Amino acid sequence: MDTDSYSWAHQRSWYRLDQLVRQRKLTGAEADELVRLYRSTSQQLAKLQGHQPDPELVERLSALLARARGRVLSAKSQPWQEVGRFFTRHFPAAVYRAWPWWLGTTAIFLAVSTVIAVLVDKSAAARDALGIPDGDLSTVTGPGGSFETYYSEHPNDAFAAKVWTHNSLVSAIALFTGVLILPAVYALFMNALNLGITGGLMADAGRLDSFFGFILPHGTLELTALFVAGGVGLKLGWTLVDPGGRSRAAAMARQGRATATVALGLVGVLLVCGLLEGFVTPSALPAPVRITFGFAAEALFLFYVFGIGRRVAEEQDALAVAPDALPDPTQRWLGAPAQVLDRV
């Protein structure tokens, strides 16, 4: 069975089921339709599970049926449960599935930034090529220079909000221009260039301790979010080039949903970055303490992705390829739904 064609043929009924689940009040006819669609969708999911479907499709249908079952049993929908499901399942799993792309982006970005920093520090020709003026740059790199005062010249809350919106915009550009590949690569390169130039100038001034003391508290997680955005964006672009075993439309639709999931989740991650940059980076705490905050936030994010995200992705894969672990095909959702819903 062609699972993409099968899914396409039934997506209208799944969309209608989702509409009925979200509708506050149902007429008698709509309630009957909800039950009928719940039963048919359960059977369709069971059939899909026998043909190695897209794990994300199984996850999405499972979640839809869970909510539909709640309506059938007259249970009230809890919006906060959906928010919790997004941040405990959908987002970390989507980031985990793209890890080769964003870890590769991380390695290339840091290598480029390091090379640029070394050239700026050691080569006058490189400075000329980059348009960096000769002469005294202590107003930028010195104690109390613009590099340091940038983090404290505005009220903490206003600065945190400004950073949050700016970083969200940069990440969105890296994500959604990834479909064209070159614009995303350009956006990443410009960020690597800016970081490298700043690091090189601070190294030349003998103030790398200040550079890392102000960059690492927020930049560790902030750059990781940028790498995730860039990597997922490039994966979207590569899907257009090489859709794999799926049709190009189906592959792009699947990766587009994953990209949108990552984009929404990164808003929350970048909010944390904004709070760190607005309140921790410019604080009077010793640099080692401020850096510890940054490393702790980074460690929590990596555990979130490679711990929780990996587990959810593996559950999705197991649910897609091991239908025999579920009840009888005609009753998988109707006779014993809780057995599966507990896994979703």
C-alpha atoms as a PDB file:
ATOM      1  CA  MET A   1       0.000   0.000   0.000  1.00  0.00           C
ATOM      2  CA  ASP A   2       1.224   3.500  -0.853  1.00  0.00           C
ATOM      3  CA  THR A   3       0.923   5.194   2.559  1.00  0.00           C
ATOM      4  CA  ASP A   4       1.308   8.705   1.088  1.00  0.00           C
ATOM      5  CA  SER A   5      -1.602   8.148  -1.328  1.00  0.00           C
ATOM      6  CA  TYR A   6      -3.667   6.503   1.401  1.00  0.00           C
ATOM      7  CA  SER A   7      -3.053   9.440   3.747  1.00  0.00           C
ATOM      8  CA  TRP A   8      -3.886  11.917   1.001  1.00  0.00           C
ATOM      9  CA  ALA A   9      -7.151  10.128   0.269  1.00  0.00           C
ATOM     10  CA  HIS A  10      -8.278  10.320   3.907  1.00  0.00           C
ATOM     11  CA  GLN A  11      -6.892  13.682   4.983  1.00  0.00           C
ATOM     12  CA  ARG A  12     -10.205  15.438   4.379  1.00  0.00           C
ATOM     13  CA  SER A  13     -11.987  13.199   6.901  1.00  0.00           C
ATOM     14  CA  TRP A  14      -9.132  13.643   9.392  1.00  0.00           C
ATOM     15  CA  TYR A  15      -9.383  17.401   9.000  1.00  0.00           C
ATOM     16  CA  ARG A  16     -13.134  17.206   9.561  1.00  0.00           C
ATOM     17  CA  LEU A  17     -12.592  15.113  12.695  1.00  0.00           C
ATOM     18  CA  ASP A  18     -10.162  17.728  13.977  1.00  0.00           C
ATOM     19  CA  GLN A  19     -12.755  20.450  13.311  1.00  0.00           C
ATOM     20  CA  LEU A  20     -15.409  18.593  15.282  1.00  0.00           C
ATOM     21  CA  VAL A  21     -13.033  17.943  18.168  1.00  0.00           C
ATOM     22  CA  ARG A  22     -12.190  21.651  18.410  1.00  0.00           C
ATOM     23  CA  GLN A  23     -15.826  22.801  18.087  1.00  0.00           C
ATOM     24  CA  ARG A  24     -17.266  23.926  21.414  1.00  0.00           C
ATOM     25  CA  LYS A  25     -20.840  22.757  20.849  1.00  0.00           C
ATOM     26  CA  LEU A  26     -22.056  19.924  18.652  1.00  0.00           C
ATOM     27  CA  THR A  27     -25.499  19.296  17.266  1.00  0.00           C
ATOM     28  CA  GLY A  28     -26.921  15.774  17.403  1.00  0.00           C
ATOM     29  CA  ALA A  29     -25.911  15.160  13.789  1.00  0.00           C
ATOM     30  CA  GLU A  30     -22.405  16.494  14.426  1.00  0.00           C
ATOM     31  CA  ALA A  31     -22.041  14.280  17.491  1.00  0.00           C
ATOM     32  CA  ASP A  32     -22.983  11.243  15.396  1.00  0.00           C
ATOM     33  CA  GLU A  33     -20.520  12.337  12.735  1.00  0.00           C
ATOM     34  CA  LEU A  34     -17.801  12.688  15.377  1.00  0.00           C
ATOM     35  CA  VAL A  35     -18.344   9.101  16.555  1.00  0.00           C
ATOM     36  CA  ARG A  36     -18.387   7.800  12.973  1.00  0.00           C
ATOM     37  CA  LEU A  37     -15.198   9.607  12.045  1.00  0.00           C
ATOM     38  CA  TYR A  38     -13.551   8.488  15.271  1.00  0.00           C
ATOM     39  CA  ARG A  39     -14.277   4.854  14.393  1.00  0.00           C
ATOM     40  CA  SER A  40     -13.178   5.164  10.766  1.00  0.00           C
ATOM     41  CA  THR A  41      -9.989   7.054  11.649  1.00  0.00           C
ATOM     42  CA  SER A  42      -9.132   4.382  14.221  1.00  0.00           C
ATOM     43  CA  GLN A  43      -9.428   1.727  11.545  1.00  0.00           C
ATOM     44  CA  GLN A  44      -7.409   3.810   9.082  1.00  0.00           C
ATOM     45  CA  LEU A  45      -4.620   4.264  11.617  1.00  0.00           C
ATOM     46  CA  ALA A  46      -4.587   0.519  12.250  1.00  0.00           C
ATOM     47  CA  LYS A  47      -4.243  -0.111   8.511  1.00  0.00           C
ATOM     48  CA  LEU A  48      -1.448   2.449   8.201  1.00  0.00           C
ATOM     49  CA  GLN A  49       0.474   0.842  11.035  1.00  0.00           C
ATOM     50  CA  GLY A  50       0.756  -2.353   9.052  1.00  0.00           C
ATOM     51  CA  HIS A  51       2.701  -0.651   6.250  1.00  0.00           C
ATOM     52  CA  GLN A  52       5.541   1.250   7.969  1.00  0.00           C
ATOM     53  CA  PRO A  53       4.050   4.764   7.783  1.00  0.00           C
ATOM     54  CA  ASP A  54       5.632   8.081   8.643  1.00  0.00           C
ATOM     55  CA  PRO A  55       6.144   8.027  12.462  1.00  0.00           C
ATOM     56  CA  GLU A  56       5.075  11.663  12.705  1.00  0.00           C
ATOM     57  CA  LEU A  57       1.821  10.846  10.913  1.00  0.00           C
ATOM     58  CA  VAL A  58       1.143   8.070  13.420  1.00  0.00           C
ATOM     59  CA  GLU A  59       1.904  10.470  16.270  1.00  0.00           C
ATOM     60  CA  ARG A  60      -0.402  13.126  14.837  1.00  0.00           C
ATOM     61  CA  LEU A  61      -3.285  10.717  14.281  1.00  0.00           C
ATOM     62  CA  SER A  62      -2.767   9.219  17.725  1.00  0.00           C
ATOM     63  CA  ALA A  63      -3.027  12.658  19.297  1.00  0.00           C
ATOM     64  CA  LEU A  64      -6.111  13.458  17.213  1.00  0.00           C
ATOM     65  CA  LEU A  65      -7.800  10.229  18.280  1.00  0.00           C
ATOM     66  CA  ALA A  66      -6.913  10.871  21.906  1.00  0.00           C
ATOM     67  CA  ARG A  67      -8.701  14.226  21.752  1.00  0.00           C
ATOM     68  CA  ALA A  68     -11.607  12.746  19.800  1.00  0.00           C
ATOM     69  CA  ARG A  69     -12.014  10.003  22.385  1.00  0.00           C
ATOM     70  CA  GLY A  70     -12.201  12.712  25.042  1.00  0.00           C
ATOM     71  CA  ARG A  71     -15.052  14.398  23.174  1.00  0.00           C
ATOM     72  CA  VAL A  72     -16.819  11.082  22.635  1.00  0.00           C
ATOM     73  CA  LEU A  73     -16.634  10.476  26.380  1.00  0.00           C
ATOM     74  CA  SER A  74     -17.725  14.083  27.020  1.00  0.00           C
ATOM     75  CA  ALA A  75     -14.350  15.026  28.429  1.00  0.00           C
ATOM     76  CA  LYS A  76     -13.453  18.709  28.254  1.00  0.00           C
ATOM     77  CA  SER A  77     -10.451  19.701  26.197  1.00  0.00           C
ATOM     78  CA  GLN A  78      -7.570  21.163  28.197  1.00  0.00           C
ATOM     79  CA  PRO A  79      -5.557  23.633  26.073  1.00  0.00           C
ATOM     80  CA  TRP A  80      -2.666  23.554  28.519  1.00  0.00           C
ATOM     81  CA  GLN A  81      -2.402  19.804  28.016  1.00  0.00           C
ATOM     82  CA  GLU A  82      -1.848  20.431  24.311  1.00  0.00           C
ATOM     83  CA  VAL A  83       0.841  23.003  25.140  1.00  0.00           C
ATOM     84  CA  GLY A  84       2.454  20.482  27.460  1.00  0.00           C
ATOM     85  CA  ARG A  85       2.295  17.786  24.791  1.00  0.00           C
ATOM     86  CA  PHE A  86       3.957  20.132  22.312  1.00  0.00           C
ATOM     87  CA  PHE A  87       6.911  20.928  24.579  1.00  0.00           C
ATOM     88  CA  THR A  88       7.300  17.418  25.998  1.00  0.00           C
ATOM     89  CA  ARG A  89       6.851  15.476  22.750  1.00  0.00           C
ATOM     90  CA  HIS A  90       6.535  17.248  19.415  1.00  0.00           C
ATOM     91  CA  PHE A  91       9.240  19.908  19.734  1.00  0.00           C
ATOM     92  CA  PRO A  92      12.067  17.866  21.311  1.00  0.00           C
ATOM     93  CA  ALA A  93      11.408  14.972  18.909  1.00  0.00           C
ATOM     94  CA  ALA A  94      11.534  17.307  15.882  1.00  0.00           C
ATOM     95  CA  VAL A  95      14.835  18.816  17.051  1.00  0.00           C
ATOM     96  CA  TYR A  96      16.285  15.379  17.773  1.00  0.00           C
ATOM     97  CA  ARG A  97      15.385  14.030  14.324  1.00  0.00           C
ATOM     98  CA  ALA A  98      17.381  16.871  12.742  1.00  0.00           C
ATOM     99  CA  TRP A  99      20.453  16.536  14.975  1.00  0.00           C
ATOM    100  CA  PRO A 100      22.954  15.577  12.226  1.00  0.00           C
ATOM    101  CA  TRP A 101      22.068  18.769  10.373  1.00  0.00           C
ATOM    102  CA  TRP A 102      22.360  21.200  13.243  1.00  0.00           C
ATOM    103  CA  LEU A 103      25.430  19.564  14.780  1.00  0.00           C
ATOM    104  CA  GLY A 104      27.077  19.789  11.361  1.00  0.00           C
ATOM    105  CA  THR A 105      26.046  23.437  11.181  1.00  0.00           C
ATOM    106  CA  THR A 106      27.555  23.955  14.644  1.00  0.00           C
ATOM    107  CA  ALA A 107      30.929  22.504  13.645  1.00  0.00           C
ATOM    108  CA  ILE A 108      31.189  24.541  10.425  1.00  0.00           C
ATOM    109  CA  PHE A 109      30.003  27.778  12.076  1.00  0.00           C
ATOM    110  CA  LEU A 110      32.497  27.532  14.949  1.00  0.00           C
ATOM    111  CA  ALA A 111      35.331  26.613  12.575  1.00  0.00           C
ATOM    112  CA  VAL A 112      34.601  29.625  10.359  1.00  0.00           C
ATOM    113  CA  SER A 113      34.315  31.972  13.357  1.00  0.00           C
ATOM    114  CA  THR A 114      37.592  30.699  14.807  1.00  0.00           C
ATOM    115  CA  VAL A 115      39.471  31.130  11.524  1.00  0.00           C
ATOM    116  CA  ILE A 116      38.135  34.679  11.123  1.00  0.00           C
ATOM    117  CA  ALA A 117      39.028  35.533  14.731  1.00  0.00           C
ATOM    118  CA  VAL A 118      42.611  34.286  14.273  1.00  0.00           C
ATOM    119  CA  LEU A 119      42.994  36.240  11.026  1.00  0.00           C
ATOM    120  CA  VAL A 120      41.651  39.438  12.595  1.00  0.00           C
ATOM    121  CA  ASP A 121      43.974  38.994  15.574  1.00  0.00           C
ATOM    122  CA  LYS A 122      47.125  38.159  13.614  1.00  0.00           C
ATOM    123  CA  SER A 123      46.801  39.616  10.103  1.00  0.00           C
ATOM    124  CA  ALA A 124      46.737  43.288   9.194  1.00  0.00           C
ATOM    125  CA  ALA A 125      45.860  42.307   5.621  1.00  0.00           C
ATOM    126  CA  ALA A 126      42.785  40.441   6.860  1.00  0.00           C
ATOM    127  CA  ARG A 127      41.683  43.516   8.798  1.00  0.00           C
ATOM    128  CA  ASP A 128      42.055  45.671   5.719  1.00  0.00           C
ATOM    129  CA  ALA A 129      40.075  43.170   3.660  1.00  0.00           C
ATOM    130  CA  LEU A 130      37.289  43.207   6.255  1.00  0.00           C
ATOM    131  CA  GLY A 131      37.262  47.013   6.441  1.00  0.00           C
ATOM    132  CA  ILE A 132      38.417  47.204  10.059  1.00  0.00           C
ATOM    133  CA  PRO A 133      40.041  50.613  10.644  1.00  0.00           C
ATOM    134  CA  ASP A 134      43.604  50.902  11.922  1.00  0.00           C
ATOM    135  CA  GLY A 135      44.362  52.727  15.117  1.00  0.00           C
ATOM    136  CA  ASP A 136      43.148  52.676  18.673  1.00  0.00           C
ATOM    137  CA  LEU A 137      39.995  50.581  19.149  1.00  0.00           C
ATOM    138  CA  SER A 138      39.928  50.793  22.935  1.00  0.00           C
ATOM    139  CA  THR A 139      36.557  52.552  22.813  1.00  0.00           C
ATOM    140  CA  VAL A 140      35.228  49.229  21.554  1.00  0.00           C
ATOM    141  CA  THR A 141      37.448  46.612  23.157  1.00  0.00           C
ATOM    142  CA  GLY A 142      38.751  48.326  26.284  1.00  0.00           C
ATOM    143  CA  PRO A 143      37.280  48.175  29.808  1.00  0.00           C
ATOM    144  CA  GLY A 144      33.965  49.996  29.699  1.00  0.00           C
ATOM    145  CA  GLY A 145      34.079  49.969  25.900  1.00  0.00           C
ATOM    146  CA  SER A 146      31.059  49.531  23.672  1.00  0.00           C
ATOM    147  CA  PHE A 147      31.422  45.728  23.664  1.00  0.00           C
ATOM    148  CA  GLU A 148      30.772  45.626  27.401  1.00  0.00           C
ATOM    149  CA  THR A 149      28.360  48.543  27.747  1.00  0.00           C
ATOM    150  CA  TYR A 150      26.127  47.079  25.032  1.00  0.00           C
ATOM    151  CA  TYR A 151      24.767  44.648  27.623  1.00  0.00           C
ATOM    152  CA  SER A 152      23.993  47.256  30.269  1.00  0.00           C
ATOM    153  CA  GLU A 153      23.058  50.476  28.463  1.00  0.00           C
ATOM    154  CA  HIS A 154      19.333  49.618  28.508  1.00  0.00           C
ATOM    155  CA  PRO A 155      17.011  48.505  31.338  1.00  0.00           C
ATOM    156  CA  ASN A 156      17.253  44.754  31.847  1.00  0.00           C
ATOM    157  CA  ASP A 157      13.659  43.912  30.967  1.00  0.00           C
ATOM    158  CA  ALA A 158      13.628  46.103  27.849  1.00  0.00           C
ATOM    159  CA  PHE A 159      16.963  44.689  26.711  1.00  0.00           C
ATOM    160  CA  ALA A 160      15.775  41.115  27.272  1.00  0.00           C
ATOM    161  CA  ALA A 161      12.663  41.774  25.164  1.00  0.00           C
ATOM    162  CA  LYS A 162      14.734  43.421  22.426  1.00  0.00           C
ATOM    163  CA  VAL A 163      17.156  40.487  22.311  1.00  0.00           C
ATOM    164  CA  TRP A 164      14.318  37.974  22.271  1.00  0.00           C
ATOM    165  CA  THR A 165      12.576  39.547  19.286  1.00  0.00           C
ATOM    166  CA  HIS A 166      15.861  40.081  17.397  1.00  0.00           C
ATOM    167  CA  ASN A 167      17.027  36.500  17.916  1.00  0.00           C
ATOM    168  CA  SER A 168      13.613  35.139  16.974  1.00  0.00           C
ATOM    169  CA  LEU A 169      13.789  37.088  13.715  1.00  0.00           C
ATOM    170  CA  VAL A 170      17.310  35.845  12.927  1.00  0.00           C
ATOM    171  CA  SER A 171      16.318  32.249  13.669  1.00  0.00           C
ATOM    172  CA  ALA A 172      13.167  32.561  11.562  1.00  0.00           C
ATOM    173  CA  ILE A 173      15.250  33.826   8.638  1.00  0.00           C
ATOM    174  CA  ALA A 174      17.651  30.898   8.997  1.00  0.00           C
ATOM    175  CA  LEU A 175      14.744  28.460   9.242  1.00  0.00           C
ATOM    176  CA  PHE A 176      12.446  29.566   6.475  1.00  0.00           C
ATOM    177  CA  THR A 177      15.037  30.727   3.944  1.00  0.00           C
ATOM    178  CA  GLY A 178      16.597  27.292   4.271  1.00  0.00           C
ATOM    179  CA  VAL A 179      14.280  26.071   1.535  1.00  0.00           C
ATOM    180  CA  LEU A 180      16.422  28.186  -0.842  1.00  0.00           C
ATOM    181  CA  ILE A 181      19.637  27.032   0.919  1.00  0.00           C
ATOM    182  CA  LEU A 182      21.886  29.970  -0.113  1.00  0.00           C
ATOM    183  CA  PRO A 183      20.047  32.697   1.880  1.00  0.00           C
ATOM    184  CA  ALA A 184      20.242  30.542   5.021  1.00  0.00           C
ATOM    185  CA  VAL A 185      23.948  29.879   4.427  1.00  0.00           C
ATOM    186  CA  TYR A 186      24.499  33.620   3.968  1.00  0.00           C
ATOM    187  CA  ALA A 187      22.644  34.457   7.196  1.00  0.00           C
ATOM    188  CA  LEU A 188      24.708  31.918   9.129  1.00  0.00           C
ATOM    189  CA  PHE A 189      27.954  33.159   7.580  1.00  0.00           C
ATOM    190  CA  MET A 190      27.229  36.776   8.503  1.00  0.00           C
ATOM    191  CA  ASN A 191      26.635  35.757  12.112  1.00  0.00           C
ATOM    192  CA  ALA A 192      29.876  33.726  12.094  1.00  0.00           C
ATOM    193  CA  LEU A 193      31.684  36.738  10.588  1.00  0.00           C
ATOM    194  CA  ASN A 194      30.405  39.126  13.257  1.00  0.00           C
ATOM    195  CA  LEU A 195      31.323  36.731  16.057  1.00  0.00           C
ATOM    196  CA  GLY A 196      34.769  36.096  14.574  1.00  0.00           C
ATOM    197  CA  ILE A 197      35.567  39.790  14.107  1.00  0.00           C
ATOM    198  CA  THR A 198      34.510  40.618  17.656  1.00  0.00           C
ATOM    199  CA  GLY A 199      36.502  37.725  19.090  1.00  0.00           C
ATOM    200  CA  GLY A 200      39.565  38.640  17.016  1.00  0.00           C
ATOM    201  CA  LEU A 201      39.504  42.281  18.113  1.00  0.00           C
ATOM    202  CA  MET A 202      39.115  41.294  21.764  1.00  0.00           C
ATOM    203  CA  ALA A 203      41.982  38.800  21.408  1.00  0.00           C
ATOM    204  CA  ASP A 204      44.184  41.492  19.863  1.00  0.00           C
ATOM    205  CA  ALA A 205      43.410  43.741  22.827  1.00  0.00           C
ATOM    206  CA  GLY A 206      44.324  40.938  25.246  1.00  0.00           C
ATOM    207  CA  ARG A 207      40.777  40.791  26.595  1.00  0.00           C
ATOM    208  CA  LEU A 208      39.535  37.321  25.670  1.00  0.00           C
ATOM    209  CA  ASP A 209      38.559  36.842  29.313  1.00  0.00           C
ATOM    210  CA  SER A 210      36.053  39.687  28.973  1.00  0.00           C
ATOM    211  CA  PHE A 211      34.899  38.380  25.579  1.00  0.00           C
ATOM    212  CA  PHE A 212      34.036  34.932  26.903  1.00  0.00           C
ATOM    213  CA  GLY A 213      32.745  36.371  30.178  1.00  0.00           C
ATOM    214  CA  PHE A 214      30.107  38.352  28.295  1.00  0.00           C
ATOM    215  CA  ILE A 215      29.386  35.920  25.433  1.00  0.00           C
ATOM    216  CA  LEU A 216      29.135  32.540  27.137  1.00  0.00           C
ATOM    217  CA  PRO A 217      26.414  33.260  29.763  1.00  0.00           C
ATOM    218  CA  HIS A 218      23.765  33.719  27.068  1.00  0.00           C
ATOM    219  CA  GLY A 219      25.577  32.903  23.836  1.00  0.00           C
ATOM    220  CA  THR A 220      26.016  29.189  24.497  1.00  0.00           C
ATOM    221  CA  LEU A 221      22.292  28.491  24.311  1.00  0.00           C
ATOM    222  CA  GLU A 222      21.592  31.356  21.912  1.00  0.00           C
ATOM    223  CA  LEU A 223      24.051  30.060  19.326  1.00  0.00           C
ATOM    224  CA  THR A 224      22.726  26.522  19.761  1.00  0.00           C
ATOM    225  CA  ALA A 225      19.241  27.816  18.944  1.00  0.00           C
ATOM    226  CA  LEU A 226      20.670  29.524  15.844  1.00  0.00           C
ATOM    227  CA  PHE A 227      22.422  26.290  14.828  1.00  0.00           C
ATOM    228  CA  VAL A 228      19.193  24.332  15.253  1.00  0.00           C
ATOM    229  CA  ALA A 229      17.325  26.889  13.157  1.00  0.00           C
ATOM    230  CA  GLY A 230      19.969  26.861  10.456  1.00  0.00           C
ATOM    231  CA  GLY A 231      20.304  23.085  10.404  1.00  0.00           C
ATOM    232  CA  VAL A 232      16.567  22.445  10.236  1.00  0.00           C
ATOM    233  CA  GLY A 233      16.201  25.133   7.572  1.00  0.00           C
ATOM    234  CA  LEU A 234      18.914  23.535   5.445  1.00  0.00           C
ATOM    235  CA  LYS A 235      17.297  20.138   5.923  1.00  0.00           C
ATOM    236  CA  LEU A 236      14.085  21.630   4.529  1.00  0.00           C
ATOM    237  CA  GLY A 237      15.989  22.920   1.505  1.00  0.00           C
ATOM    238  CA  TRP A 238      17.723  19.596   0.940  1.00  0.00           C
ATOM    239  CA  THR A 239      14.372  17.809   1.104  1.00  0.00           C
ATOM    240  CA  LEU A 240      13.342  19.818  -1.944  1.00  0.00           C
ATOM    241  CA  VAL A 241      16.491  18.627  -3.728  1.00  0.00           C
ATOM    242  CA  ASP A 242      16.319  15.020  -2.537  1.00  0.00           C
ATOM    243  CA  PRO A 243      12.874  13.947  -1.247  1.00  0.00           C
ATOM    244  CA  GLY A 244      14.036  10.407  -0.601  1.00  0.00           C
ATOM    245  CA  GLY A 245      11.524   7.627  -1.159  1.00  0.00           C
ATOM    246  CA  ARG A 246       8.515   9.964  -0.987  1.00  0.00           C
ATOM    247  CA  SER A 247       7.038  12.233  -3.581  1.00  0.00           C
ATOM    248  CA  ARG A 248       8.520  15.730  -3.447  1.00  0.00           C
ATOM    249  CA  ALA A 249       5.195  17.214  -2.299  1.00  0.00           C
ATOM    250  CA  ALA A 250       4.756  14.659   0.482  1.00  0.00           C
ATOM    251  CA  ALA A 251       8.365  14.999   1.646  1.00  0.00           C
ATOM    252  CA  MET A 252       8.159  18.800   1.702  1.00  0.00           C
ATOM    253  CA  ALA A 253       4.850  18.704   3.561  1.00  0.00           C
ATOM    254  CA  ARG A 254       6.317  16.431   6.210  1.00  0.00           C
ATOM    255  CA  GLN A 255       9.526  18.428   6.650  1.00  0.00           C
ATOM    256  CA  GLY A 256       7.595  21.688   6.505  1.00  0.00           C
ATOM    257  CA  ARG A 257       5.498  20.589   9.491  1.00  0.00           C
ATOM    258  CA  ALA A 258       8.670  19.659  11.375  1.00  0.00           C
ATOM    259  CA  THR A 259      10.200  23.031  10.517  1.00  0.00           C
ATOM    260  CA  ALA A 260       7.133  24.891  11.780  1.00  0.00           C
ATOM    261  CA  THR A 261       7.255  22.832  14.990  1.00  0.00           C
ATOM    262  CA  VAL A 262      10.903  23.764  15.552  1.00  0.00           C
ATOM    263  CA  ALA A 263      10.208  27.426  14.766  1.00  0.00           C
ATOM    264  CA  LEU A 264       7.462  27.610  17.374  1.00  0.00           C
ATOM    265  CA  GLY A 265       9.495  25.758  19.989  1.00  0.00           C
ATOM    266  CA  LEU A 266      12.564  27.943  19.474  1.00  0.00           C
ATOM    267  CA  VAL A 267      10.515  30.972  20.494  1.00  0.00           C
ATOM    268  CA  GLY A 268      10.487  29.511  23.995  1.00  0.00           C
ATOM    269  CA  VAL A 269      14.193  28.650  23.908  1.00  0.00           C
ATOM    270  CA  LEU A 270      15.080  32.150  22.747  1.00  0.00           C
ATOM    271  CA  LEU A 271      12.968  33.631  25.526  1.00  0.00           C
ATOM    272  CA  VAL A 272      15.293  31.885  27.984  1.00  0.00           C
ATOM    273  CA  CYS A 273      18.275  33.278  26.046  1.00  0.00           C
ATOM    274  CA  GLY A 274      16.804  36.772  26.243  1.00  0.00           C
ATOM    275  CA  LEU A 275      16.366  36.493  30.005  1.00  0.00           C
ATOM    276  CA  LEU A 276      19.954  35.307  30.395  1.00  0.00           C
ATOM    277  CA  GLU A 277      21.297  38.124  28.220  1.00  0.00           C
ATOM    278  CA  GLY A 278      19.109  40.728  29.879  1.00  0.00           C
ATOM    279  CA  PHE A 279      19.615  39.771  33.521  1.00  0.00           C
ATOM    280  CA  VAL A 280      22.617  37.423  33.907  1.00  0.00           C
ATOM    281  CA  THR A 281      25.192  38.643  31.362  1.00  0.00           C
ATOM    282  CA  PRO A 282      25.250  42.303  32.564  1.00  0.00           C
ATOM    283  CA  SER A 283      24.928  41.396  36.255  1.00  0.00           C
ATOM    284  CA  ALA A 284      27.609  42.043  38.882  1.00  0.00           C
ATOM    285  CA  LEU A 285      28.107  38.303  39.419  1.00  0.00           C
ATOM    286  CA  PRO A 286      31.649  36.996  38.874  1.00  0.00           C
ATOM    287  CA  ALA A 287      32.285  35.800  35.322  1.00  0.00           C
ATOM    288  CA  PRO A 288      32.637  32.118  36.313  1.00  0.00           C
ATOM    289  CA  VAL A 289      29.215  32.231  37.965  1.00  0.00           C
ATOM    290  CA  ARG A 290      27.623  33.900  34.950  1.00  0.00           C
ATOM    291  CA  ILE A 291      29.238  31.362  32.612  1.00  0.00           C
ATOM    292  CA  THR A 292      27.952  28.544  34.822  1.00  0.00           C
ATOM    293  CA  PHE A 293      24.401  29.789  34.228  1.00  0.00           C
ATOM    294  CA  GLY A 294      25.001  29.600  30.485  1.00  0.00           C
ATOM    295  CA  PHE A 295      26.506  26.124  30.592  1.00  0.00           C
ATOM    296  CA  ALA A 296      23.698  24.882  32.834  1.00  0.00           C
ATOM    297  CA  ALA A 297      21.064  26.167  30.386  1.00  0.00           C
ATOM    298  CA  GLU A 298      22.924  24.497  27.512  1.00  0.00           C
ATOM    299  CA  ALA A 299      23.197  21.199  29.391  1.00  0.00           C
ATOM    300  CA  LEU A 300      19.469  21.224  30.151  1.00  0.00           C
ATOM    301  CA  PHE A 301      18.653  21.864  26.489  1.00  0.00           C
ATOM    302  CA  LEU A 302      20.892  19.044  25.282  1.00  0.00           C
ATOM    303  CA  PHE A 303      19.346  16.660  27.811  1.00  0.00           C
ATOM    304  CA  TYR A 304      15.913  17.844  26.682  1.00  0.00           C
ATOM    305  CA  VAL A 305      16.733  16.992  23.064  1.00  0.00           C
ATOM    306  CA  PHE A 306      18.904  13.885  23.384  1.00  0.00           C
ATOM    307  CA  GLY A 307      17.087  12.511  26.413  1.00  0.00           C
ATOM    308  CA  ILE A 308      13.398  13.354  26.074  1.00  0.00           C
ATOM    309  CA  GLY A 309      13.434  14.006  22.311  1.00  0.00           C
ATOM    310  CA  ARG A 310      15.247  10.776  21.529  1.00  0.00           C
ATOM    311  CA  ARG A 311      12.874   8.737  23.687  1.00  0.00           C
ATOM    312  CA  VAL A 312       9.794  10.232  22.024  1.00  0.00           C
ATOM    313  CA  ALA A 313      11.246   9.701  18.527  1.00  0.00           C
ATOM    314  CA  GLU A 314      12.001   6.064  19.340  1.00  0.00           C
ATOM    315  CA  GLU A 315       8.453   5.591  20.660  1.00  0.00           C
ATOM    316  CA  GLN A 316       7.066   7.057  17.446  1.00  0.00           C
ATOM    317  CA  ASP A 317       9.225   4.729  15.361  1.00  0.00           C
ATOM    318  CA  ALA A 318       8.213   1.710  17.425  1.00  0.00           C
ATOM    319  CA  LEU A 319       4.548   2.622  17.135  1.00  0.00           C
ATOM    320  CA  ALA A 320       4.893   2.910  13.364  1.00  0.00           C
ATOM    321  CA  VAL A 321       6.725  -0.357  12.710  1.00  0.00           C
ATOM    322  CA  ALA A 322       5.373  -2.676  15.413  1.00  0.00           C
ATOM    323  CA  PRO A 323       1.593  -2.845  14.962  1.00  0.00           C
ATOM    324  CA  ASP A 324       1.459  -6.391  16.370  1.00  0.00           C
ATOM    325  CA  ALA A 325       2.137  -4.956  19.818  1.00  0.00           C
ATOM    326  CA  LEU A 326      -1.319  -3.346  19.699  1.00  0.00           C
ATOM    327  CA  PRO A 327      -4.728  -5.036  20.175  1.00  0.00           C
ATOM    328  CA  ASP A 328      -6.680  -6.720  17.349  1.00  0.00           C
ATOM    329  CA  PRO A 329      -6.613  -4.492  14.201  1.00  0.00           C
ATOM    330  CA  THR A 330     -10.368  -3.890  14.144  1.00  0.00           C
ATOM    331  CA  GLN A 331     -10.464  -2.920  17.811  1.00  0.00           C
ATOM    332  CA  ARG A 332      -7.097  -1.230  18.419  1.00  0.00           C
ATOM    333  CA  TRP A 333      -8.632   2.128  19.175  1.00  0.00           C
ATOM    334  CA  LEU A 334     -12.193   1.122  19.963  1.00  0.00           C
ATOM    335  CA  GLY A 335     -11.737  -1.769  22.361  1.00  0.00           C
ATOM    336  CA  ALA A 336      -8.667  -0.738  24.329  1.00  0.00           C
ATOM    337  CA  PRO A 337      -7.653   2.810  23.421  1.00  0.00           C
ATOM    338  CA  ALA A 338      -6.054   3.600  26.738  1.00  0.00           C
ATOM    339  CA  GLN A 339      -3.280   1.094  26.086  1.00  0.00           C
ATOM    340  CA  VAL A 340      -2.077   3.165  23.179  1.00  0.00           C
ATOM    341  CA  LEU A 341      -3.044   6.591  24.409  1.00  0.00           C
ATOM    342  CA  ASP A 342      -0.782   6.166  27.412  1.00  0.00           C
ATOM    343  CA  ARG A 343       2.124   5.918  24.987  1.00  0.00           C
ATOM    344  CA  VAL A 344       1.304   9.105  23.075  1.00  0.00           C
END
